[in-house]
Amino acid sequence: MEPYAADLATIRALQRGEHTAFTALVRLHQAAFQRLAHAWVRDSPSATEVVQQAWLTALESLDTFEGRSSLRTWLYGIVINVARSHARARRRLVPLAELVAEEAIVGPTVAPERFLTEGEWVGHWAVSPTPFPAPDAEIEREHLRLLLEEAIASLSPVQQQVLVLCDVEGLTGEEACNILGISGTHQRVLLHRARTKARAWLEQHLSQADELP
């Protein structure tokens, strides 16, 4: 059996105009599309516009899907291309290659003073990361979810994309590389920086919340 036989079957169903196949696909990917689009355009109405255009583009491009990658990877690539085009039309957009290159030359992702520099535990935490609270109640879960969304939104677009693709949507590093057109090395660096910065943002805001009367 071909590795993406089920995806090819879905494409054929869409080409036949089967409404149930399209509805199932939208239900499966709509929320992820919205998150990916929001990383580039930054506001919900524009993200919704991008997602609608991405679905139209996907339907118009069904004949180009050859099953060399998963349908999910193909669709996510369309969303990101449409989102970047939309952002470019609204303002000057720095090329992705420049954003990736810039990430490779910035300084350490964690402040050096947070690590021990002497003794047998050199390189270990001097000040351990603040543990995240366990969300026992519904209101706490909702609060933590909103904080996570804000932490992700605080990242640069390219870091957001990698974090959302790998940690939120569960794609592999290889899939993320194929979608974004970056190397495995850059993907790993970007994901590490995104995770570190998001955690630092959460630590800061959770500690501030604990200090409130």
N, C-alpha and C. Protein backbone atom coordinates (compact mmCIF):
# COMPACT_ATOMS: atom_id res chain seq x y z
N MET A 1 0.84 -1.20 0.00
CA MET A 1 0.00 0.00 0.00
C MET A 1 0.88 1.25 0.00
N GLU A 2 0.48 2.26 -0.77
CA GLU A 2 1.24 3.50 -0.80
C GLU A 2 1.20 4.16 0.57
N PRO A 3 2.29 4.87 0.95
CA PRO A 3 2.36 5.46 2.29
C PRO A 3 1.24 6.46 2.56
N TYR A 4 0.76 7.14 1.55
CA TYR A 4 -0.30 8.14 1.75
C TYR A 4 -1.54 7.77 0.95
N ALA A 5 -1.87 6.47 0.93
CA ALA A 5 -3.01 6.00 0.16
C ALA A 5 -4.32 6.63 0.65
N ALA A 6 -4.46 6.75 1.97
CA ALA A 6 -5.68 7.35 2.52
C ALA A 6 -5.81 8.81 2.11
N ASP A 7 -4.69 9.52 2.07
CA ASP A 7 -4.71 10.93 1.65
C ASP A 7 -5.10 11.04 0.18
N LEU A 8 -4.59 10.14 -0.65
CA LEU A 8 -4.94 10.15 -2.07
C LEU A 8 -6.42 9.84 -2.26
N ALA A 9 -6.95 8.95 -1.42
CA ALA A 9 -8.38 8.65 -1.48
C ALA A 9 -9.21 9.89 -1.11
N THR A 10 -8.73 10.63 -0.13
CA THR A 10 -9.43 11.87 0.26
C THR A 10 -9.40 12.88 -0.89
N ILE A 11 -8.25 12.99 -1.55
CA ILE A 11 -8.14 13.91 -2.68
C ILE A 11 -9.12 13.52 -3.78
N ARG A 12 -9.22 12.24 -4.07
CA ARG A 12 -10.14 11.79 -5.12
C ARG A 12 -11.59 12.10 -4.73
N ALA A 13 -11.91 11.94 -3.43
CA ALA A 13 -13.26 12.26 -2.96
C ALA A 13 -13.55 13.75 -3.13
N LEU A 14 -12.57 14.58 -2.84
CA LEU A 14 -12.73 16.02 -3.00
C LEU A 14 -12.90 16.38 -4.48
N GLN A 15 -12.14 15.71 -5.32
CA GLN A 15 -12.25 15.98 -6.75
C GLN A 15 -13.61 15.59 -7.30
N ARG A 16 -14.24 14.59 -6.67
CA ARG A 16 -15.60 14.20 -7.07
C ARG A 16 -16.65 15.13 -6.49
N GLY A 17 -16.20 16.06 -5.65
CA GLY A 17 -17.14 17.03 -5.07
C GLY A 17 -17.92 16.49 -3.89
N GLU A 18 -17.36 15.51 -3.18
CA GLU A 18 -18.06 14.93 -2.03
C GLU A 18 -17.99 15.89 -0.85
N HIS A 19 -19.16 16.42 -0.49
CA HIS A 19 -19.22 17.44 0.56
C HIS A 19 -18.76 16.89 1.91
N THR A 20 -19.09 15.65 2.21
CA THR A 20 -18.73 15.08 3.51
C THR A 20 -17.21 14.99 3.68
N ALA A 21 -16.50 14.73 2.59
CA ALA A 21 -15.04 14.64 2.66
C ALA A 21 -14.44 16.00 3.00
N PHE A 22 -14.97 17.06 2.38
CA PHE A 22 -14.46 18.40 2.67
C PHE A 22 -14.81 18.82 4.08
N THR A 23 -16.04 18.53 4.52
CA THR A 23 -16.46 18.88 5.88
C THR A 23 -15.58 18.21 6.92
N ALA A 24 -15.24 16.94 6.70
CA ALA A 24 -14.39 16.21 7.63
C ALA A 24 -12.99 16.82 7.67
N LEU A 25 -12.49 17.24 6.51
CA LEU A 25 -11.15 17.82 6.44
C LEU A 25 -11.12 19.16 7.17
N VAL A 26 -12.14 19.97 6.99
CA VAL A 26 -12.22 21.26 7.67
C VAL A 26 -12.31 21.05 9.18
N ARG A 27 -13.13 20.12 9.61
CA ARG A 27 -13.27 19.86 11.04
C ARG A 27 -11.94 19.42 11.65
N LEU A 28 -11.16 18.69 10.88
CA LEU A 28 -9.90 18.16 11.39
C LEU A 28 -8.81 19.23 11.48
N HIS A 29 -8.79 20.18 10.54
CA HIS A 29 -7.64 21.09 10.44
C HIS A 29 -7.96 22.57 10.67
N GLN A 30 -9.22 22.94 10.81
CA GLN A 30 -9.57 24.36 10.88
C GLN A 30 -8.86 25.08 12.02
N ALA A 31 -8.88 24.50 13.21
CA ALA A 31 -8.26 25.16 14.37
C ALA A 31 -6.76 25.33 14.16
N ALA A 32 -6.11 24.32 13.60
CA ALA A 32 -4.66 24.41 13.34
C ALA A 32 -4.38 25.48 12.30
N PHE A 33 -5.18 25.54 11.26
CA PHE A 33 -5.03 26.58 10.24
C PHE A 33 -5.08 27.95 10.88
N GLN A 34 -6.04 28.15 11.77
CA GLN A 34 -6.22 29.46 12.41
C GLN A 34 -4.98 29.83 13.23
N ARG A 35 -4.42 28.86 13.95
CA ARG A 35 -3.23 29.13 14.76
C ARG A 35 -2.03 29.48 13.87
N LEU A 36 -1.85 28.75 12.80
CA LEU A 36 -0.73 29.00 11.90
C LEU A 36 -0.85 30.38 11.25
N ALA A 37 -2.04 30.70 10.80
CA ALA A 37 -2.26 31.99 10.14
C ALA A 37 -2.04 33.15 11.11
N HIS A 38 -2.48 32.97 12.34
CA HIS A 38 -2.39 34.05 13.32
C HIS A 38 -0.95 34.41 13.64
N ALA A 39 -0.03 33.47 13.47
CA ALA A 39 1.38 33.76 13.75
C ALA A 39 1.94 34.80 12.79
N TRP A 40 1.37 34.88 11.59
CA TRP A 40 1.87 35.84 10.62
C TRP A 40 1.06 37.14 10.59
N VAL A 41 -0.25 37.05 10.67
CA VAL A 41 -1.06 38.25 10.47
C VAL A 41 -1.48 38.92 11.77
N ARG A 42 -1.38 38.19 12.91
CA ARG A 42 -1.46 38.77 14.26
C ARG A 42 -2.86 39.17 14.73
N ASP A 43 -3.88 39.13 13.90
CA ASP A 43 -5.22 39.45 14.39
C ASP A 43 -6.20 38.43 13.84
N SER A 44 -7.25 38.16 14.62
CA SER A 44 -8.18 37.07 14.29
C SER A 44 -8.94 37.28 12.98
N PRO A 45 -9.46 38.48 12.68
CA PRO A 45 -10.17 38.66 11.41
C PRO A 45 -9.28 38.37 10.19
N SER A 46 -8.04 38.85 10.24
CA SER A 46 -7.12 38.59 9.13
C SER A 46 -6.77 37.11 9.04
N ALA A 47 -6.61 36.47 10.20
CA ALA A 47 -6.31 35.04 10.21
C ALA A 47 -7.45 34.25 9.60
N THR A 48 -8.68 34.64 9.90
CA THR A 48 -9.85 33.97 9.33
C THR A 48 -9.88 34.15 7.81
N GLU A 49 -9.54 35.34 7.36
CA GLU A 49 -9.48 35.60 5.92
C GLU A 49 -8.42 34.73 5.25
N VAL A 50 -7.27 34.61 5.90
CA VAL A 50 -6.20 33.76 5.37
C VAL A 50 -6.66 32.31 5.28
N VAL A 51 -7.31 31.82 6.32
CA VAL A 51 -7.75 30.42 6.35
C VAL A 51 -8.77 30.16 5.23
N GLN A 52 -9.70 31.07 5.03
CA GLN A 52 -10.68 30.90 3.96
C GLN A 52 -10.00 30.85 2.60
N GLN A 53 -9.01 31.73 2.39
CA GLN A 53 -8.28 31.74 1.13
C GLN A 53 -7.47 30.45 0.97
N ALA A 54 -6.92 29.96 2.08
CA ALA A 54 -6.12 28.73 2.02
C ALA A 54 -6.98 27.54 1.60
N TRP A 55 -8.19 27.45 2.14
CA TRP A 55 -9.08 26.36 1.73
C TRP A 55 -9.42 26.45 0.25
N LEU A 56 -9.69 27.66 -0.22
CA LEU A 56 -9.98 27.83 -1.64
C LEU A 56 -8.79 27.44 -2.50
N THR A 57 -7.61 27.86 -2.07
CA THR A 57 -6.38 27.52 -2.80
C THR A 57 -6.17 26.01 -2.84
N ALA A 58 -6.42 25.36 -1.70
CA ALA A 58 -6.26 23.91 -1.64
C ALA A 58 -7.21 23.21 -2.60
N LEU A 59 -8.47 23.63 -2.61
CA LEU A 59 -9.45 23.01 -3.50
C LEU A 59 -9.10 23.24 -4.97
N GLU A 60 -8.56 24.40 -5.26
CA GLU A 60 -8.18 24.70 -6.64
C GLU A 60 -6.89 23.99 -7.06
N SER A 61 -6.16 23.47 -6.09
CA SER A 61 -4.85 22.87 -6.38
C SER A 61 -4.83 21.36 -6.17
N LEU A 62 -5.98 20.73 -6.08
CA LEU A 62 -6.04 19.31 -5.79
C LEU A 62 -5.24 18.46 -6.78
N ASP A 63 -5.22 18.89 -8.02
CA ASP A 63 -4.51 18.12 -9.04
C ASP A 63 -3.00 18.11 -8.82
N THR A 64 -2.49 19.03 -8.01
CA THR A 64 -1.04 19.11 -7.81
C THR A 64 -0.56 18.21 -6.66
N PHE A 65 -1.50 17.65 -5.90
CA PHE A 65 -1.10 16.77 -4.80
C PHE A 65 -0.72 15.41 -5.36
N GLU A 66 0.54 15.01 -5.15
CA GLU A 66 1.06 13.78 -5.72
C GLU A 66 1.31 12.69 -4.68
N GLY A 67 1.03 12.96 -3.42
CA GLY A 67 1.23 11.95 -2.40
C GLY A 67 2.66 11.73 -1.99
N ARG A 68 3.54 12.68 -2.31
CA ARG A 68 4.95 12.56 -1.89
C ARG A 68 5.14 12.93 -0.43
N SER A 69 4.20 13.67 0.12
CA SER A 69 4.17 13.99 1.54
C SER A 69 2.74 13.78 2.00
N SER A 70 2.51 13.91 3.30
CA SER A 70 1.14 13.73 3.79
C SER A 70 0.26 14.90 3.36
N LEU A 71 -1.03 14.64 3.32
CA LEU A 71 -1.98 15.70 2.98
C LEU A 71 -1.91 16.82 4.01
N ARG A 72 -1.70 16.46 5.26
CA ARG A 72 -1.58 17.48 6.31
C ARG A 72 -0.41 18.41 6.03
N THR A 73 0.75 17.85 5.69
CA THR A 73 1.92 18.66 5.39
C THR A 73 1.64 19.58 4.21
N TRP A 74 1.02 19.05 3.20
CA TRP A 74 0.69 19.83 1.99
C TRP A 74 -0.25 20.99 2.34
N LEU A 75 -1.27 20.71 3.14
CA LEU A 75 -2.24 21.74 3.51
C LEU A 75 -1.61 22.82 4.38
N TYR A 76 -0.78 22.42 5.34
CA TYR A 76 -0.14 23.39 6.22
C TYR A 76 0.78 24.31 5.41
N GLY A 77 1.45 23.73 4.41
CA GLY A 77 2.30 24.56 3.55
C GLY A 77 1.51 25.61 2.81
N ILE A 78 0.31 25.26 2.36
CA ILE A 78 -0.56 26.22 1.68
C ILE A 78 -0.96 27.34 2.63
N VAL A 79 -1.33 26.99 3.85
CA VAL A 79 -1.74 28.01 4.83
C VAL A 79 -0.61 29.00 5.07
N ILE A 80 0.59 28.51 5.27
CA ILE A 80 1.71 29.39 5.56
C ILE A 80 2.03 30.27 4.36
N ASN A 81 1.99 29.73 3.16
CA ASN A 81 2.25 30.53 1.96
C ASN A 81 1.21 31.63 1.79
N VAL A 82 -0.06 31.30 2.01
CA VAL A 82 -1.12 32.30 1.90
C VAL A 82 -0.97 33.36 2.99
N ALA A 83 -0.64 32.92 4.21
CA ALA A 83 -0.49 33.87 5.32
C ALA A 83 0.66 34.83 5.06
N ARG A 84 1.77 34.32 4.55
CA ARG A 84 2.92 35.19 4.29
C ARG A 84 2.61 36.16 3.14
N SER A 85 1.89 35.70 2.14
CA SER A 85 1.49 36.59 1.04
C SER A 85 0.57 37.69 1.55
N HIS A 86 -0.33 37.30 2.45
CA HIS A 86 -1.25 38.28 3.03
C HIS A 86 -0.48 39.32 3.84
N ALA A 87 0.47 38.86 4.64
CA ALA A 87 1.27 39.79 5.45
C ALA A 87 2.12 40.69 4.56
N ARG A 88 2.64 40.12 3.48
CA ARG A 88 3.48 40.90 2.57
C ARG A 88 2.66 42.02 1.91
N ALA A 89 1.41 41.75 1.63
CA ALA A 89 0.56 42.74 0.99
C ALA A 89 0.23 43.90 1.94
N ARG A 90 0.26 43.62 3.24
CA ARG A 90 -0.08 44.65 4.24
C ARG A 90 1.12 45.46 4.69
N ARG A 91 2.28 44.85 4.64
CA ARG A 91 3.49 45.54 5.10
C ARG A 91 4.69 44.83 4.51
N ARG A 92 5.83 45.47 4.58
CA ARG A 92 7.05 44.83 4.10
C ARG A 92 7.38 43.65 4.98
N LEU A 93 7.49 42.47 4.39
CA LEU A 93 7.77 41.26 5.15
C LEU A 93 9.21 40.83 4.93
N VAL A 94 9.94 40.63 6.01
CA VAL A 94 11.32 40.18 5.90
C VAL A 94 11.32 38.74 5.38
N PRO A 95 12.13 38.42 4.38
CA PRO A 95 12.17 37.04 3.85
C PRO A 95 12.46 36.03 4.94
N LEU A 96 11.85 34.86 4.82
CA LEU A 96 12.03 33.82 5.83
C LEU A 96 13.51 33.47 6.01
N ALA A 97 14.27 33.43 4.92
CA ALA A 97 15.68 33.08 5.01
C ALA A 97 16.43 34.05 5.92
N GLU A 98 16.06 35.34 5.86
CA GLU A 98 16.71 36.32 6.72
C GLU A 98 16.34 36.11 8.18
N LEU A 99 15.06 35.76 8.43
CA LEU A 99 14.62 35.52 9.80
C LEU A 99 15.35 34.33 10.40
N VAL A 100 15.50 33.27 9.61
CA VAL A 100 16.20 32.07 10.09
C VAL A 100 17.66 32.38 10.36
N ALA A 101 18.30 33.12 9.45
CA ALA A 101 19.71 33.48 9.63
C ALA A 101 19.90 34.33 10.87
N GLU A 102 18.97 35.24 11.13
CA GLU A 102 19.06 36.10 12.31
C GLU A 102 18.97 35.29 13.58
N GLU A 103 18.12 34.25 13.59
CA GLU A 103 17.99 33.40 14.77
C GLU A 103 19.29 32.67 15.08
N ALA A 104 20.09 32.43 14.06
CA ALA A 104 21.30 31.63 14.24
C ALA A 104 22.44 32.41 14.86
N ILE A 105 22.34 33.76 14.89
CA ILE A 105 23.47 34.55 15.37
C ILE A 105 23.19 35.29 16.67
N VAL A 106 21.99 35.17 17.20
CA VAL A 106 21.69 35.86 18.45
C VAL A 106 22.35 35.14 19.61
N GLY A 107 22.33 35.76 20.77
CA GLY A 107 23.03 35.22 21.94
C GLY A 107 22.34 34.04 22.57
N PRO A 108 22.79 33.66 23.78
CA PRO A 108 22.23 32.49 24.45
C PRO A 108 20.76 32.67 24.75
N THR A 109 20.01 31.56 24.74
CA THR A 109 18.57 31.63 24.97
C THR A 109 18.22 31.72 26.44
N VAL A 110 19.13 31.30 27.31
CA VAL A 110 18.92 31.39 28.75
C VAL A 110 20.07 32.19 29.34
N ALA A 111 19.76 33.10 30.26
CA ALA A 111 20.78 33.95 30.85
C ALA A 111 21.86 33.08 31.51
N PRO A 112 23.15 33.32 31.18
CA PRO A 112 24.24 32.48 31.73
C PRO A 112 24.28 32.44 33.25
N GLU A 113 23.85 33.53 33.92
CA GLU A 113 23.93 33.57 35.37
C GLU A 113 22.95 32.60 36.04
N ARG A 114 22.07 31.99 35.27
CA ARG A 114 21.15 31.01 35.85
C ARG A 114 21.80 29.64 36.03
N PHE A 115 23.06 29.49 35.58
CA PHE A 115 23.77 28.23 35.68
C PHE A 115 24.98 28.36 36.61
N LEU A 116 25.34 27.27 37.28
CA LEU A 116 26.51 27.24 38.14
C LEU A 116 27.79 27.26 37.30
N THR A 117 28.77 28.01 37.76
CA THR A 117 30.04 28.13 37.03
C THR A 117 31.21 27.52 37.78
N GLU A 118 30.96 27.05 39.01
CA GLU A 118 32.04 26.46 39.80
C GLU A 118 31.54 25.19 40.49
N GLY A 119 32.49 24.38 40.93
CA GLY A 119 32.14 23.17 41.66
C GLY A 119 31.80 22.00 40.76
N GLU A 120 31.37 20.90 41.38
CA GLU A 120 31.12 19.69 40.62
C GLU A 120 29.83 19.75 39.80
N TRP A 121 29.00 20.76 40.05
CA TRP A 121 27.73 20.87 39.33
C TRP A 121 27.76 21.99 38.29
N VAL A 122 28.93 22.27 37.73
CA VAL A 122 29.06 23.30 36.70
C VAL A 122 28.11 22.99 35.54
N GLY A 123 27.40 24.02 35.13
CA GLY A 123 26.48 23.85 34.02
C GLY A 123 25.07 23.50 34.42
N HIS A 124 24.87 23.14 35.72
CA HIS A 124 23.53 22.85 36.20
C HIS A 124 22.85 24.16 36.64
N TRP A 125 21.53 24.07 36.84
CA TRP A 125 20.78 25.26 37.23
C TRP A 125 21.28 25.81 38.57
N ALA A 126 21.56 27.10 38.61
CA ALA A 126 21.80 27.78 39.88
C ALA A 126 20.46 28.20 40.47
N VAL A 127 19.57 28.64 39.60
CA VAL A 127 18.20 28.98 39.99
C VAL A 127 17.28 28.12 39.12
N SER A 128 16.63 27.16 39.72
CA SER A 128 15.80 26.24 38.95
C SER A 128 14.61 26.96 38.33
N PRO A 129 14.15 26.47 37.16
CA PRO A 129 12.96 27.06 36.54
C PRO A 129 11.75 26.95 37.46
N THR A 130 10.90 27.94 37.41
CA THR A 130 9.68 27.92 38.23
C THR A 130 8.75 26.82 37.76
N PRO A 131 8.35 25.90 38.64
CA PRO A 131 7.42 24.84 38.20
C PRO A 131 6.08 25.42 37.83
N PHE A 132 5.47 24.89 36.77
CA PHE A 132 4.17 25.37 36.35
C PHE A 132 3.10 24.74 37.22
N PRO A 133 2.07 25.49 37.58
CA PRO A 133 1.03 24.93 38.45
C PRO A 133 0.20 23.89 37.73
N ALA A 134 -0.29 22.91 38.51
CA ALA A 134 -1.19 21.91 37.94
C ALA A 134 -2.59 22.50 37.91
N PRO A 135 -3.19 22.58 36.72
CA PRO A 135 -4.52 23.21 36.61
C PRO A 135 -5.62 22.28 37.11
N ASP A 136 -5.97 22.39 38.39
CA ASP A 136 -6.95 21.49 38.99
C ASP A 136 -8.38 21.91 38.68
N ALA A 137 -8.61 23.18 38.53
CA ALA A 137 -9.97 23.66 38.31
C ALA A 137 -10.11 24.19 36.89
N GLU A 138 -11.34 24.22 36.41
CA GLU A 138 -11.61 24.66 35.03
C GLU A 138 -11.10 26.08 34.80
N ILE A 139 -11.30 26.96 35.78
CA ILE A 139 -10.87 28.34 35.60
C ILE A 139 -9.36 28.43 35.53
N GLU A 140 -8.65 27.57 36.28
CA GLU A 140 -7.19 27.57 36.22
C GLU A 140 -6.70 27.05 34.88
N ARG A 141 -7.38 26.02 34.35
CA ARG A 141 -7.00 25.49 33.04
C ARG A 141 -7.18 26.54 31.96
N GLU A 142 -8.28 27.28 32.03
CA GLU A 142 -8.53 28.31 31.04
C GLU A 142 -7.50 29.43 31.15
N HIS A 143 -7.15 29.80 32.38
CA HIS A 143 -6.15 30.84 32.59
C HIS A 143 -4.79 30.41 32.03
N LEU A 144 -4.41 29.16 32.28
CA LEU A 144 -3.14 28.66 31.79
C LEU A 144 -3.14 28.58 30.26
N ARG A 145 -4.27 28.19 29.69
CA ARG A 145 -4.37 28.13 28.23
C ARG A 145 -4.17 29.51 27.61
N LEU A 146 -4.79 30.52 28.21
CA LEU A 146 -4.64 31.89 27.70
C LEU A 146 -3.20 32.36 27.84
N LEU A 147 -2.55 32.02 28.95
CA LEU A 147 -1.15 32.39 29.13
C LEU A 147 -0.26 31.72 28.08
N LEU A 148 -0.54 30.45 27.80
CA LEU A 148 0.24 29.75 26.78
C LEU A 148 0.07 30.41 25.41
N GLU A 149 -1.16 30.80 25.09
CA GLU A 149 -1.39 31.49 23.82
C GLU A 149 -0.62 32.80 23.75
N GLU A 150 -0.60 33.54 24.86
CA GLU A 150 0.13 34.80 24.90
C GLU A 150 1.64 34.56 24.80
N ALA A 151 2.11 33.50 25.45
CA ALA A 151 3.54 33.18 25.38
C ALA A 151 3.95 32.87 23.94
N ILE A 152 3.14 32.11 23.25
CA ILE A 152 3.43 31.78 21.84
C ILE A 152 3.36 33.03 20.99
N ALA A 153 2.38 33.89 21.26
CA ALA A 153 2.22 35.11 20.48
C ALA A 153 3.39 36.07 20.68
N SER A 154 4.11 35.94 21.80
CA SER A 154 5.24 36.83 22.07
C SER A 154 6.48 36.47 21.24
N LEU A 155 6.47 35.30 20.61
CA LEU A 155 7.62 34.85 19.82
C LEU A 155 7.63 35.49 18.45
N SER A 156 8.79 35.44 17.81
CA SER A 156 8.87 35.91 16.42
C SER A 156 8.06 34.97 15.54
N PRO A 157 7.61 35.44 14.36
CA PRO A 157 6.77 34.58 13.49
C PRO A 157 7.39 33.23 13.19
N VAL A 158 8.67 33.20 12.86
CA VAL A 158 9.28 31.93 12.48
C VAL A 158 9.38 30.98 13.67
N GLN A 159 9.64 31.52 14.88
CA GLN A 159 9.65 30.67 16.07
C GLN A 159 8.24 30.16 16.37
N GLN A 160 7.25 31.02 16.20
CA GLN A 160 5.88 30.60 16.41
C GLN A 160 5.52 29.43 15.50
N GLN A 161 5.90 29.56 14.23
CA GLN A 161 5.55 28.52 13.27
C GLN A 161 6.13 27.18 13.68
N VAL A 162 7.41 27.17 14.04
CA VAL A 162 8.06 25.91 14.41
C VAL A 162 7.43 25.34 15.67
N LEU A 163 7.18 26.19 16.67
CA LEU A 163 6.60 25.71 17.93
C LEU A 163 5.19 25.16 17.71
N VAL A 164 4.40 25.89 16.95
CA VAL A 164 3.02 25.44 16.70
C VAL A 164 3.02 24.13 15.91
N LEU A 165 3.84 24.05 14.87
CA LEU A 165 3.87 22.84 14.05
C LEU A 165 4.33 21.63 14.86
N CYS A 166 5.40 21.79 15.64
CA CYS A 166 5.99 20.64 16.32
C CYS A 166 5.34 20.32 17.67
N ASP A 167 5.10 21.34 18.50
CA ASP A 167 4.63 21.10 19.86
C ASP A 167 3.13 21.18 20.03
N VAL A 168 2.47 21.97 19.18
CA VAL A 168 1.01 22.08 19.29
C VAL A 168 0.33 21.08 18.36
N GLU A 169 0.78 21.04 17.11
CA GLU A 169 0.14 20.17 16.13
C GLU A 169 0.75 18.78 16.07
N GLY A 170 1.92 18.60 16.67
CA GLY A 170 2.51 17.28 16.76
C GLY A 170 3.20 16.78 15.50
N LEU A 171 3.61 17.69 14.61
CA LEU A 171 4.32 17.28 13.41
C LEU A 171 5.75 16.91 13.75
N THR A 172 6.37 16.11 12.92
CA THR A 172 7.77 15.76 13.12
C THR A 172 8.65 16.92 12.67
N GLY A 173 9.92 16.86 13.09
CA GLY A 173 10.87 17.88 12.64
C GLY A 173 11.01 17.88 11.14
N GLU A 174 10.99 16.69 10.52
CA GLU A 174 11.10 16.60 9.07
C GLU A 174 9.91 17.25 8.37
N GLU A 175 8.71 17.03 8.91
CA GLU A 175 7.52 17.65 8.32
C GLU A 175 7.60 19.17 8.43
N ALA A 176 8.03 19.67 9.59
CA ALA A 176 8.17 21.11 9.77
C ALA A 176 9.17 21.69 8.79
N CYS A 177 10.27 20.98 8.57
CA CYS A 177 11.28 21.44 7.61
C CYS A 177 10.70 21.51 6.21
N ASN A 178 9.93 20.50 5.82
CA ASN A 178 9.33 20.49 4.49
C ASN A 178 8.34 21.63 4.30
N ILE A 179 7.58 21.93 5.34
CA ILE A 179 6.57 22.99 5.25
C ILE A 179 7.23 24.36 5.19
N LEU A 180 8.23 24.59 6.03
CA LEU A 180 8.86 25.90 6.13
C LEU A 180 10.02 26.08 5.17
N GLY A 181 10.50 24.99 4.59
CA GLY A 181 11.63 25.09 3.67
C GLY A 181 12.93 25.44 4.36
N ILE A 182 13.16 24.84 5.53
CA ILE A 182 14.39 25.12 6.29
C ILE A 182 15.11 23.80 6.55
N SER A 183 16.37 23.90 6.97
CA SER A 183 17.17 22.70 7.24
C SER A 183 16.81 22.13 8.60
N GLY A 184 17.22 20.87 8.82
CA GLY A 184 16.99 20.24 10.10
C GLY A 184 17.70 20.96 11.23
N THR A 185 18.89 21.45 10.95
CA THR A 185 19.65 22.19 11.97
C THR A 185 18.91 23.46 12.38
N HIS A 186 18.43 24.21 11.39
CA HIS A 186 17.70 25.44 11.71
C HIS A 186 16.40 25.13 12.46
N GLN A 187 15.74 24.05 12.07
CA GLN A 187 14.49 23.68 12.75
C GLN A 187 14.75 23.40 14.23
N ARG A 188 15.80 22.68 14.52
CA ARG A 188 16.11 22.34 15.91
C ARG A 188 16.49 23.58 16.72
N VAL A 189 17.28 24.48 16.11
CA VAL A 189 17.66 25.72 16.80
C VAL A 189 16.44 26.58 17.07
N LEU A 190 15.60 26.72 16.07
CA LEU A 190 14.40 27.55 16.22
C LEU A 190 13.47 26.98 17.28
N LEU A 191 13.29 25.65 17.28
CA LEU A 191 12.39 25.04 18.24
C LEU A 191 12.94 25.19 19.66
N HIS A 192 14.25 25.02 19.82
CA HIS A 192 14.86 25.19 21.14
C HIS A 192 14.67 26.61 21.64
N ARG A 193 14.93 27.59 20.79
CA ARG A 193 14.78 28.99 21.19
C ARG A 193 13.32 29.32 21.50
N ALA A 194 12.43 28.80 20.70
CA ALA A 194 11.00 29.07 20.92
C ALA A 194 10.55 28.49 22.25
N ARG A 195 10.94 27.26 22.54
CA ARG A 195 10.55 26.64 23.81
C ARG A 195 11.14 27.40 24.99
N THR A 196 12.41 27.80 24.87
CA THR A 196 13.07 28.50 25.96
C THR A 196 12.43 29.85 26.22
N LYS A 197 12.17 30.60 25.16
CA LYS A 197 11.58 31.93 25.32
C LYS A 197 10.15 31.85 25.84
N ALA A 198 9.39 30.87 25.35
CA ALA A 198 8.01 30.71 25.82
C ALA A 198 8.00 30.34 27.30
N ARG A 199 8.92 29.47 27.70
CA ARG A 199 8.98 29.09 29.11
C ARG A 199 9.38 30.28 29.98
N ALA A 200 10.35 31.08 29.51
CA ALA A 200 10.78 32.25 30.28
C ALA A 200 9.63 33.24 30.42
N TRP A 201 8.85 33.40 29.35
CA TRP A 201 7.69 34.31 29.40
C TRP A 201 6.69 33.81 30.43
N LEU A 202 6.44 32.50 30.43
CA LEU A 202 5.49 31.93 31.38
C LEU A 202 5.99 32.04 32.81
N GLU A 203 7.28 31.78 33.01
CA GLU A 203 7.85 31.91 34.36
C GLU A 203 7.63 33.31 34.90
N GLN A 204 7.93 34.30 34.07
CA GLN A 204 7.81 35.69 34.50
C GLN A 204 6.37 36.04 34.87
N HIS A 205 5.43 35.66 34.02
CA HIS A 205 4.04 36.06 34.26
C HIS A 205 3.37 35.23 35.36
N LEU A 206 3.79 33.98 35.51
CA LEU A 206 3.25 33.19 36.61
C LEU A 206 3.78 33.70 37.95
N SER A 207 5.06 34.12 37.99
CA SER A 207 5.61 34.66 39.24
C SER A 207 4.95 35.99 39.59
N GLN A 208 4.65 36.79 38.57
CA GLN A 208 3.96 38.06 38.81
C GLN A 208 2.56 37.82 39.37
N ALA A 209 1.91 36.79 38.85
CA ALA A 209 0.56 36.47 39.34
C ALA A 209 0.60 36.02 40.79
N ASP A 210 1.66 35.27 41.17
CA ASP A 210 1.79 34.80 42.54
C ASP A 210 2.04 35.95 43.52
N GLU A 211 2.65 37.05 43.02
CA GLU A 211 2.97 38.17 43.89
C GLU A 211 1.78 39.10 44.12
N LEU A 212 0.73 38.93 43.32
CA LEU A 212 -0.43 39.81 43.47
C LEU A 212 -1.12 39.51 44.80
N PRO A 213 -1.68 40.55 45.47
CA PRO A 213 -2.34 40.34 46.76
C PRO A 213 -3.65 39.58 46.58
